[in-house]
Amino acid sequence: MTRFLVDIPEEDLAMLDALAKAEGKSRAAILRKAVASHIAAESQQGFEKYFGLWERHGSTIDGLEYERKLRGEWPDVADLSTTKKKHRAT
């Protein structure tokens, strides 16, 4: 195990000490658990990591509504097949 020095605000240190006392653990044990939890949360793969991303950053746009709007700008598949037939005839 490696040791390191870190500066944290007095208020956070007071809360850390209270938590350590309540759980009957050392500051180091509480910090190790917090780091492990943070790393586990950051390493989530796929969909779960990104679900709700817009909302977490303050967006009020409905993602599905936005997607439908963008897709509404795409040409209709039926129109594309008609265009291909016209090109083949020429």
PDB file of N, CA and C in Angstrom:
ATOM      1  N   MET A   1       0.847  -1.177   0.000  1.00  0.00           N
ATOM      2  CA  MET A   1       0.000   0.000   0.000  1.00  0.00           C
ATOM      3  C   MET A   1       0.888   1.234   0.000  1.00  0.00           C
ATOM      4  N   THR A   2       0.439   2.252  -0.698  1.00  0.00           N
ATOM      5  CA  THR A   2       1.197   3.503  -0.816  1.00  0.00           C
ATOM      6  C   THR A   2       0.544   4.584   0.034  1.00  0.00           C
ATOM      7  N   ARG A   3       1.362   5.421   0.608  1.00  0.00           N
ATOM      8  CA  ARG A   3       0.852   6.560   1.373  1.00  0.00           C
ATOM      9  C   ARG A   3       0.949   7.812   0.521  1.00  0.00           C
ATOM     10  N   PHE A   4       0.027   8.743   0.773  1.00  0.00           N
ATOM     11  CA  PHE A   4       0.109  10.035   0.089  1.00  0.00           C
ATOM     12  C   PHE A   4      -0.471  11.099   1.000  1.00  0.00           C
ATOM     13  N   LEU A   5      -0.087  12.326   0.728  1.00  0.00           N
ATOM     14  CA  LEU A   5      -0.525  13.469   1.523  1.00  0.00           C
ATOM     15  C   LEU A   5      -1.573  14.227   0.727  1.00  0.00           C
ATOM     16  N   VAL A   6      -2.664  14.586   1.387  1.00  0.00           N
ATOM     17  CA  VAL A   6      -3.723  15.307   0.694  1.00  0.00           C
ATOM     18  C   VAL A   6      -4.250  16.427   1.592  1.00  0.00           C
ATOM     19  N   ASP A   7      -4.574  17.552   0.971  1.00  0.00           N
ATOM     20  CA  ASP A   7      -5.151  18.685   1.698  1.00  0.00           C
ATOM     21  C   ASP A   7      -6.654  18.679   1.453  1.00  0.00           C
ATOM     22  N   ILE A   8      -7.431  18.745   2.534  1.00  0.00           N
ATOM     23  CA  ILE A   8      -8.890  18.846   2.408  1.00  0.00           C
ATOM     24  C   ILE A   8      -9.383  19.945   3.345  1.00  0.00           C
ATOM     25  N   PRO A   9     -10.512  20.549   3.004  1.00  0.00           N
ATOM     26  CA  PRO A   9     -11.057  21.621   3.855  1.00  0.00           C
ATOM     27  C   PRO A   9     -11.383  21.108   5.265  1.00  0.00           C
ATOM     28  N   GLU A  10     -11.294  22.003   6.219  1.00  0.00           N
ATOM     29  CA  GLU A  10     -11.565  21.673   7.628  1.00  0.00           C
ATOM     30  C   GLU A  10     -12.953  21.061   7.817  1.00  0.00           C
ATOM     31  N   GLU A  11     -13.950  21.600   7.085  1.00  0.00           N
ATOM     32  CA  GLU A  11     -15.324  21.081   7.226  1.00  0.00           C
ATOM     33  C   GLU A  11     -15.393  19.615   6.789  1.00  0.00           C
ATOM     34  N   ASP A  12     -14.690  19.296   5.687  1.00  0.00           N
ATOM     35  CA  ASP A  12     -14.685  17.914   5.204  1.00  0.00           C
ATOM     36  C   ASP A  12     -13.962  17.001   6.186  1.00  0.00           C
ATOM     37  N   LEU A  13     -12.895  17.496   6.771  1.00  0.00           N
ATOM     38  CA  LEU A  13     -12.155  16.711   7.750  1.00  0.00           C
ATOM     39  C   LEU A  13     -13.026  16.416   8.974  1.00  0.00           C
ATOM     40  N   ALA A  14     -13.791  17.417   9.411  1.00  0.00           N
ATOM     41  CA  ALA A  14     -14.688  17.218  10.557  1.00  0.00           C
ATOM     42  C   ALA A  14     -15.742  16.155  10.238  1.00  0.00           C
ATOM     43  N   MET A  15     -16.284  16.204   9.025  1.00  0.00           N
ATOM     44  CA  MET A  15     -17.286  15.206   8.629  1.00  0.00           C
ATOM     45  C   MET A  15     -16.655  13.821   8.503  1.00  0.00           C
ATOM     46  N   LEU A  16     -15.435  13.771   7.979  1.00  0.00           N
ATOM     47  CA  LEU A  16     -14.712  12.505   7.860  1.00  0.00           C
ATOM     48  C   LEU A  16     -14.472  11.901   9.239  1.00  0.00           C
ATOM     49  N   ASP A  17     -14.041  12.719  10.182  1.00  0.00           N
ATOM     50  CA  ASP A  17     -13.812  12.238  11.547  1.00  0.00           C
ATOM     51  C   ASP A  17     -15.101  11.738  12.195  1.00  0.00           C
ATOM     52  N   ALA A  18     -16.196  12.466  11.984  1.00  0.00           N
ATOM     53  CA  ALA A  18     -17.484  12.046  12.557  1.00  0.00           C
ATOM     54  C   ALA A  18     -17.925  10.714  11.948  1.00  0.00           C
ATOM     55  N   LEU A  19     -17.754  10.564  10.657  1.00  0.00           N
ATOM     56  CA  LEU A  19     -18.124   9.321   9.988  1.00  0.00           C
ATOM     57  C   LEU A  19     -17.257   8.166  10.472  1.00  0.00           C
ATOM     58  N   ALA A  20     -15.962   8.418  10.595  1.00  0.00           N
ATOM     59  CA  ALA A  20     -15.040   7.382  11.073  1.00  0.00           C
ATOM     60  C   ALA A  20     -15.413   6.946  12.489  1.00  0.00           C
ATOM     61  N   LYS A  21     -15.735   7.905  13.325  1.00  0.00           N
ATOM     62  CA  LYS A  21     -16.108   7.595  14.704  1.00  0.00           C
ATOM     63  C   LYS A  21     -17.408   6.791  14.739  1.00  0.00           C
ATOM     64  N   ALA A  22     -18.392   7.201  13.935  1.00  0.00           N
ATOM     65  CA  ALA A  22     -19.691   6.523  13.906  1.00  0.00           C
ATOM     66  C   ALA A  22     -19.552   5.076  13.418  1.00  0.00           C
ATOM     67  N   GLU A  23     -18.641   4.841  12.483  1.00  0.00           N
ATOM     68  CA  GLU A  23     -18.460   3.499  11.940  1.00  0.00           C
ATOM     69  C   GLU A  23     -17.385   2.708  12.673  1.00  0.00           C
ATOM     70  N   GLY A  24     -16.706   3.363  13.606  1.00  0.00           N
ATOM     71  CA  GLY A  24     -15.645   2.686  14.358  1.00  0.00           C
ATOM     72  C   GLY A  24     -14.462   2.319  13.475  1.00  0.00           C
ATOM     73  N   LYS A  25     -14.158   3.193  12.517  1.00  0.00           N
ATOM     74  CA  LYS A  25     -13.061   2.944  11.584  1.00  0.00           C
ATOM     75  C   LYS A  25     -12.111   4.124  11.602  1.00  0.00           C
ATOM     76  N   SER A  26     -10.961   3.936  10.996  1.00  0.00           N
ATOM     77  CA  SER A  26      -9.990   5.027  10.886  1.00  0.00           C
ATOM     78  C   SER A  26     -10.332   5.920   9.702  1.00  0.00           C
ATOM     79  N   ARG A  27      -9.740   7.116   9.680  1.00  0.00           N
ATOM     80  CA  ARG A  27      -9.897   7.998   8.526  1.00  0.00           C
ATOM     81  C   ARG A  27      -9.445   7.279   7.261  1.00  0.00           C
ATOM     82  N   ALA A  28      -8.314   6.604   7.357  1.00  0.00           N
ATOM     83  CA  ALA A  28      -7.742   5.912   6.199  1.00  0.00           C
ATOM     84  C   ALA A  28      -8.707   4.863   5.656  1.00  0.00           C
ATOM     85  N   ALA A  29      -9.358   4.125   6.533  1.00  0.00           N
ATOM     86  CA  ALA A  29     -10.296   3.087   6.088  1.00  0.00           C
ATOM     87  C   ALA A  29     -11.485   3.708   5.362  1.00  0.00           C
ATOM     88  N   ILE A  30     -11.979   4.820   5.895  1.00  0.00           N
ATOM     89  CA  ILE A  30     -13.100   5.512   5.263  1.00  0.00           C
ATOM     90  C   ILE A  30     -12.674   6.044   3.890  1.00  0.00           C
ATOM     91  N   LEU A  31     -11.493   6.630   3.799  1.00  0.00           N
ATOM     92  CA  LEU A  31     -11.002   7.169   2.533  1.00  0.00           C
ATOM     93  C   LEU A  31     -10.751   6.059   1.512  1.00  0.00           C
ATOM     94  N   ARG A  32     -10.201   4.912   1.952  1.00  0.00           N
ATOM     95  CA  ARG A  32      -9.998   3.790   1.027  1.00  0.00           C
ATOM     96  C   ARG A  32     -11.325   3.323   0.447  1.00  0.00           C
ATOM     97  N   LYS A  33     -12.341   3.237   1.306  1.00  0.00           N
ATOM     98  CA  LYS A  33     -13.675   2.811   0.854  1.00  0.00           C
ATOM     99  C   LYS A  33     -14.245   3.836  -0.140  1.00  0.00           C
ATOM    100  N   ALA A  34     -14.072   5.111   0.146  1.00  0.00           N
ATOM    101  CA  ALA A  34     -14.586   6.166  -0.741  1.00  0.00           C
ATOM    102  C   ALA A  34     -13.889   6.118  -2.096  1.00  0.00           C
ATOM    103  N   VAL A  35     -12.582   5.928  -2.107  1.00  0.00           N
ATOM    104  CA  VAL A  35     -11.838   5.857  -3.367  1.00  0.00           C
ATOM    105  C   VAL A  35     -12.281   4.630  -4.160  1.00  0.00           C
ATOM    106  N   ALA A  36     -12.422   3.486  -3.487  1.00  0.00           N
ATOM    107  CA  ALA A  36     -12.865   2.263  -4.169  1.00  0.00           C
ATOM    108  C   ALA A  36     -14.260   2.441  -4.762  1.00  0.00           C
ATOM    109  N   SER A  37     -15.157   3.081  -4.027  1.00  0.00           N
ATOM    110  CA  SER A  37     -16.517   3.330  -4.523  1.00  0.00           C
ATOM    111  C   SER A  37     -16.493   4.261  -5.723  1.00  0.00           C
ATOM    112  N   HIS A  38     -15.664   5.287  -5.655  1.00  0.00           N
ATOM    113  CA  HIS A  38     -15.566   6.241  -6.762  1.00  0.00           C
ATOM    114  C   HIS A  38     -15.029   5.553  -8.019  1.00  0.00           C
ATOM    115  N   ILE A  39     -14.000   4.753  -7.867  1.00  0.00           N
ATOM    116  CA  ILE A  39     -13.422   4.052  -9.014  1.00  0.00           C
ATOM    117  C   ILE A  39     -14.435   3.085  -9.612  1.00  0.00           C
ATOM    118  N   ALA A  40     -15.181   2.372  -8.768  1.00  0.00           N
ATOM    119  CA  ALA A  40     -16.202   1.439  -9.261  1.00  0.00           C
ATOM    120  C   ALA A  40     -17.283   2.186 -10.039  1.00  0.00           C
ATOM    121  N   ALA A  41     -17.709   3.335  -9.536  1.00  0.00           N
ATOM    122  CA  ALA A  41     -18.748   4.118 -10.216  1.00  0.00           C
ATOM    123  C   ALA A  41     -18.242   4.647 -11.552  1.00  0.00           C
ATOM    124  N   GLU A  42     -16.985   5.066 -11.602  1.00  0.00           N
ATOM    125  CA  GLU A  42     -16.411   5.602 -12.836  1.00  0.00           C
ATOM    126  C   GLU A  42     -16.180   4.530 -13.886  1.00  0.00           C
ATOM    127  N   SER A  43     -16.019   3.304 -13.457  1.00  0.00           N
ATOM    128  CA  SER A  43     -15.704   2.254 -14.418  1.00  0.00           C
ATOM    129  C   SER A  43     -16.945   1.547 -14.962  1.00  0.00           C
ATOM    130  N   GLN A  44     -18.125   2.054 -14.624  1.00  0.00           N
ATOM    131  CA  GLN A  44     -19.347   1.470 -15.189  1.00  0.00           C
ATOM    132  C   GLN A  44     -19.265   1.505 -16.699  1.00  0.00           C
ATOM    133  N   GLN A  45     -19.685   0.430 -17.315  1.00  0.00           N
ATOM    134  CA  GLN A  45     -19.616   0.351 -18.768  1.00  0.00           C
ATOM    135  C   GLN A  45     -20.994   0.519 -19.380  1.00  0.00           C
ATOM    136  N   GLY A  46     -20.993   1.022 -20.601  1.00  0.00           N
ATOM    137  CA  GLY A  46     -22.204   1.039 -21.405  1.00  0.00           C
ATOM    138  C   GLY A  46     -23.268   2.025 -20.978  1.00  0.00           C
ATOM    139  N   PHE A  47     -24.480   1.604 -21.195  1.00  0.00           N
ATOM    140  CA  PHE A  47     -25.686   2.414 -21.054  1.00  0.00           C
ATOM    141  C   PHE A  47     -25.809   3.080 -19.683  1.00  0.00           C
ATOM    142  N   GLU A  48     -25.536   2.342 -18.620  1.00  0.00           N
ATOM    143  CA  GLU A  48     -25.745   2.870 -17.271  1.00  0.00           C
ATOM    144  C   GLU A  48     -24.923   4.125 -17.000  1.00  0.00           C
ATOM    145  N   LYS A  49     -23.725   4.186 -17.567  1.00  0.00           N
ATOM    146  CA  LYS A  49     -22.855   5.334 -17.328  1.00  0.00           C
ATOM    147  C   LYS A  49     -23.438   6.607 -17.937  1.00  0.00           C
ATOM    148  N   TYR A  50     -24.139   6.470 -19.047  1.00  0.00           N
ATOM    149  CA  TYR A  50     -24.611   7.639 -19.781  1.00  0.00           C
ATOM    150  C   TYR A  50     -26.088   7.944 -19.577  1.00  0.00           C
ATOM    151  N   PHE A  51     -26.842   7.063 -18.957  1.00  0.00           N
ATOM    152  CA  PHE A  51     -28.265   7.279 -18.747  1.00  0.00           C
ATOM    153  C   PHE A  51     -28.474   8.513 -17.881  1.00  0.00           C
ATOM    154  N   GLY A  52     -29.271   9.439 -18.367  1.00  0.00           N
ATOM    155  CA  GLY A  52     -29.557  10.662 -17.612  1.00  0.00           C
ATOM    156  C   GLY A  52     -28.470  11.715 -17.699  1.00  0.00           C
ATOM    157  N   LEU A  53     -27.548  11.571 -18.636  1.00  0.00           N
ATOM    158  CA  LEU A  53     -26.417  12.482 -18.746  1.00  0.00           C
ATOM    159  C   LEU A  53     -26.851  13.922 -18.976  1.00  0.00           C
ATOM    160  N   TRP A  54     -27.809  14.133 -19.882  1.00  0.00           N
ATOM    161  CA  TRP A  54     -28.265  15.502 -20.156  1.00  0.00           C
ATOM    162  C   TRP A  54     -28.860  16.134 -18.910  1.00  0.00           C
ATOM    163  N   GLU A  55     -29.683  15.373 -18.219  1.00  0.00           N
ATOM    164  CA  GLU A  55     -30.348  15.909 -17.027  1.00  0.00           C
ATOM    165  C   GLU A  55     -29.335  16.249 -15.933  1.00  0.00           C
ATOM    166  N   ARG A  56     -28.323  15.403 -15.760  1.00  0.00           N
ATOM    167  CA  ARG A  56     -27.299  15.667 -14.744  1.00  0.00           C
ATOM    168  C   ARG A  56     -26.548  16.952 -15.013  1.00  0.00           C
ATOM    169  N   HIS A  57     -26.508  17.381 -16.269  1.00  0.00           N
ATOM    170  CA  HIS A  57     -25.809  18.608 -16.616  1.00  0.00           C
ATOM    171  C   HIS A  57     -26.765  19.779 -16.831  1.00  0.00           C
ATOM    172  N   GLY A  58     -27.990  19.643 -16.342  1.00  0.00           N
ATOM    173  CA  GLY A  58     -28.927  20.755 -16.333  1.00  0.00           C
ATOM    174  C   GLY A  58     -29.772  20.946 -17.573  1.00  0.00           C
ATOM    175  N   SER A  59     -29.729  20.011 -18.509  1.00  0.00           N
ATOM    176  CA  SER A  59     -30.529  20.158 -19.721  1.00  0.00           C
ATOM    177  C   SER A  59     -31.996  19.859 -19.426  1.00  0.00           C
ATOM    178  N   THR A  60     -32.862  20.655 -20.014  1.00  0.00           N
ATOM    179  CA  THR A  60     -34.305  20.431 -19.851  1.00  0.00           C
ATOM    180  C   THR A  60     -34.915  19.841 -21.113  1.00  0.00           C
ATOM    181  N   ILE A  61     -34.067  19.531 -22.094  1.00  0.00           N
ATOM    182  CA  ILE A  61     -34.544  18.957 -23.359  1.00  0.00           C
ATOM    183  C   ILE A  61     -34.819  17.471 -23.166  1.00  0.00           C
ATOM    184  N   ASP A  62     -35.949  17.024 -23.695  1.00  0.00           N
ATOM    185  CA  ASP A  62     -36.271  15.602 -23.678  1.00  0.00           C
ATOM    186  C   ASP A  62     -35.461  14.936 -24.786  1.00  0.00           C
ATOM    187  N   GLY A  63     -34.578  14.016 -24.427  1.00  0.00           N
ATOM    188  CA  GLY A  63     -33.700  13.366 -25.388  1.00  0.00           C
ATOM    189  C   GLY A  63     -34.435  12.655 -26.502  1.00  0.00           C
ATOM    190  N   LEU A  64     -35.528  11.967 -26.157  1.00  0.00           N
ATOM    191  CA  LEU A  64     -36.293  11.240 -27.167  1.00  0.00           C
ATOM    192  C   LEU A  64     -36.948  12.220 -28.146  1.00  0.00           C
ATOM    193  N   GLU A  65     -37.492  13.301 -27.615  1.00  0.00           N
ATOM    194  CA  GLU A  65     -38.105  14.325 -28.474  1.00  0.00           C
ATOM    195  C   GLU A  65     -37.058  14.922 -29.420  1.00  0.00           C
ATOM    196  N   TYR A  66     -35.868  15.183 -28.901  1.00  0.00           N
ATOM    197  CA  TYR A  66     -34.777  15.729 -29.705  1.00  0.00           C
ATOM    198  C   TYR A  66     -34.384  14.750 -30.813  1.00  0.00           C
ATOM    199  N   GLU A  67     -34.280  13.477 -30.475  1.00  0.00           N
ATOM    200  CA  GLU A  67     -33.935  12.444 -31.466  1.00  0.00           C
ATOM    201  C   GLU A  67     -34.988  12.366 -32.566  1.00  0.00           C
ATOM    202  N   ARG A  68     -36.249  12.394 -32.179  1.00  0.00           N
ATOM    203  CA  ARG A  68     -37.327  12.342 -33.169  1.00  0.00           C
ATOM    204  C   ARG A  68     -37.293  13.559 -34.090  1.00  0.00           C
ATOM    205  N   LYS A  69     -36.969  14.721 -33.525  1.00  0.00           N
ATOM    206  CA  LYS A  69     -36.876  15.932 -34.336  1.00  0.00           C
ATOM    207  C   LYS A  69     -35.776  15.772 -35.381  1.00  0.00           C
ATOM    208  N   LEU A  70     -34.618  15.274 -34.960  1.00  0.00           N
ATOM    209  CA  LEU A  70     -33.516  15.072 -35.897  1.00  0.00           C
ATOM    210  C   LEU A  70     -33.885  14.055 -36.972  1.00  0.00           C
ATOM    211  N   ARG A  71     -34.504  12.969 -36.560  1.00  0.00           N
ATOM    212  CA  ARG A  71     -34.887  11.945 -37.533  1.00  0.00           C
ATOM    213  C   ARG A  71     -35.959  12.457 -38.489  1.00  0.00           C
ATOM    214  N   GLY A  72     -36.742  13.415 -38.048  1.00  0.00           N
ATOM    215  CA  GLY A  72     -37.756  14.003 -38.913  1.00  0.00           C
ATOM    216  C   GLY A  72     -37.147  14.757 -40.086  1.00  0.00           C
ATOM    217  N   GLU A  73     -35.890  15.140 -39.940  1.00  0.00           N
ATOM    218  CA  GLU A  73     -35.197  15.844 -41.009  1.00  0.00           C
ATOM    219  C   GLU A  73     -34.668  14.886 -42.078  1.00  0.00           C
ATOM    220  N   TRP A  74     -34.629  13.592 -41.777  1.00  0.00           N
ATOM    221  CA  TRP A  74     -34.122  12.612 -42.731  1.00  0.00           C
ATOM    222  C   TRP A  74     -35.152  12.377 -43.829  1.00  0.00           C
ATOM    223  N   PRO A  75     -34.705  12.044 -45.024  1.00  0.00           N
ATOM    224  CA  PRO A  75     -35.662  11.744 -46.091  1.00  0.00           C
ATOM    225  C   PRO A  75     -36.384  10.432 -45.811  1.00  0.00           C
ATOM    226  N   ASP A  76     -37.583  10.328 -46.301  1.00  0.00           N
ATOM    227  CA  ASP A  76     -38.373   9.106 -46.132  1.00  0.00           C
ATOM    228  C   ASP A  76     -37.765   8.001 -46.987  1.00  0.00           C
ATOM    229  N   VAL A  77     -37.723   6.795 -46.468  1.00  0.00           N
ATOM    230  CA  VAL A  77     -37.151   5.654 -47.178  1.00  0.00           C
ATOM    231  C   VAL A  77     -37.881   5.425 -48.501  1.00  0.00           C
ATOM    232  N   ALA A  78     -39.167   5.625 -48.522  1.00  0.00           N
ATOM    233  CA  ALA A  78     -39.939   5.448 -49.754  1.00  0.00           C
ATOM    234  C   ALA A  78     -39.465   6.435 -50.823  1.00  0.00           C
ATOM    235  N   ASP A  79     -39.136   7.642 -50.426  1.00  0.00           N
ATOM    236  CA  ASP A  79     -38.627   8.640 -51.376  1.00  0.00           C
ATOM    237  C   ASP A  79     -37.278   8.214 -51.952  1.00  0.00           C
ATOM    238  N   LEU A  80     -36.460   7.587 -51.143  1.00  0.00           N
ATOM    239  CA  LEU A  80     -35.142   7.147 -51.604  1.00  0.00           C
ATOM    240  C   LEU A  80     -35.258   6.048 -52.650  1.00  0.00           C
ATOM    241  N   SER A  81     -36.154   5.092 -52.402  1.00  0.00           N
ATOM    242  CA  SER A  81     -36.299   4.004 -53.370  1.00  0.00           C
ATOM    243  C   SER A  81     -36.875   4.515 -54.685  1.00  0.00           C
ATOM    244  N   THR A  82     -37.726   5.514 -54.665  1.00  0.00           N
ATOM    245  CA  THR A  82     -38.278   6.123 -55.877  1.00  0.00           C
ATOM    246  C   THR A  82     -37.157   6.818 -56.653  1.00  0.00           C
ATOM    247  N   THR A  83     -36.259   7.489 -55.941  1.00  0.00           N
ATOM    248  CA  THR A  83     -35.139   8.178 -56.574  1.00  0.00           C
ATOM    249  C   THR A  83     -34.231   7.185 -57.274  1.00  0.00           C
ATOM    250  N   LYS A  84     -33.962   6.040 -56.643  1.00  0.00           N
ATOM    251  CA  LYS A  84     -33.113   5.015 -57.257  1.00  0.00           C
ATOM    252  C   LYS A  84     -33.735   4.501 -58.559  1.00  0.00           C
ATOM    253  N   LYS A  85     -35.050   4.294 -58.554  1.00  0.00           N
ATOM    254  CA  LYS A  85     -35.729   3.799 -59.750  1.00  0.00           C
ATOM    255  C   LYS A  85     -35.598   4.806 -60.895  1.00  0.00           C
ATOM    256  N   LYS A  86     -35.683   6.111 -60.556  1.00  0.00           N
ATOM    257  CA  LYS A  86     -35.577   7.151 -61.591  1.00  0.00           C
ATOM    258  C   LYS A  86     -34.167   7.148 -62.193  1.00  0.00           C
ATOM    259  N   HIS A  87     -33.148   6.967 -61.341  1.00  0.00           N
ATOM    260  CA  HIS A  87     -31.777   6.963 -61.819  1.00  0.00           C
ATOM    261  C   HIS A  87     -31.500   5.742 -62.705  1.00  0.00           C
ATOM    262  N   ARG A  88     -32.050   4.606 -62.357  1.00  0.00           N
ATOM    263  CA  ARG A  88     -31.849   3.390 -63.130  1.00  0.00           C
ATOM    264  C   ARG A  88     -32.471   3.500 -64.522  1.00  0.00           C
ATOM    265  N   ALA A  89     -33.604   4.195 -64.611  1.00  0.00           N
ATOM    266  CA  ALA A  89     -34.320   4.326 -65.870  1.00  0.00           C
ATOM    267  C   ALA A  89     -33.535   5.201 -66.848  1.00  0.00           C
ATOM    268  N   THR A  90     -32.720   6.085 -66.345  1.00  0.00           N
ATOM    269  CA  THR A  90     -31.997   7.008 -67.221  1.00  0.00           C
ATOM    270  C   THR A  90     -30.782   6.429 -67.857  1.00  0.00           C
TER     271      THR A  90
END
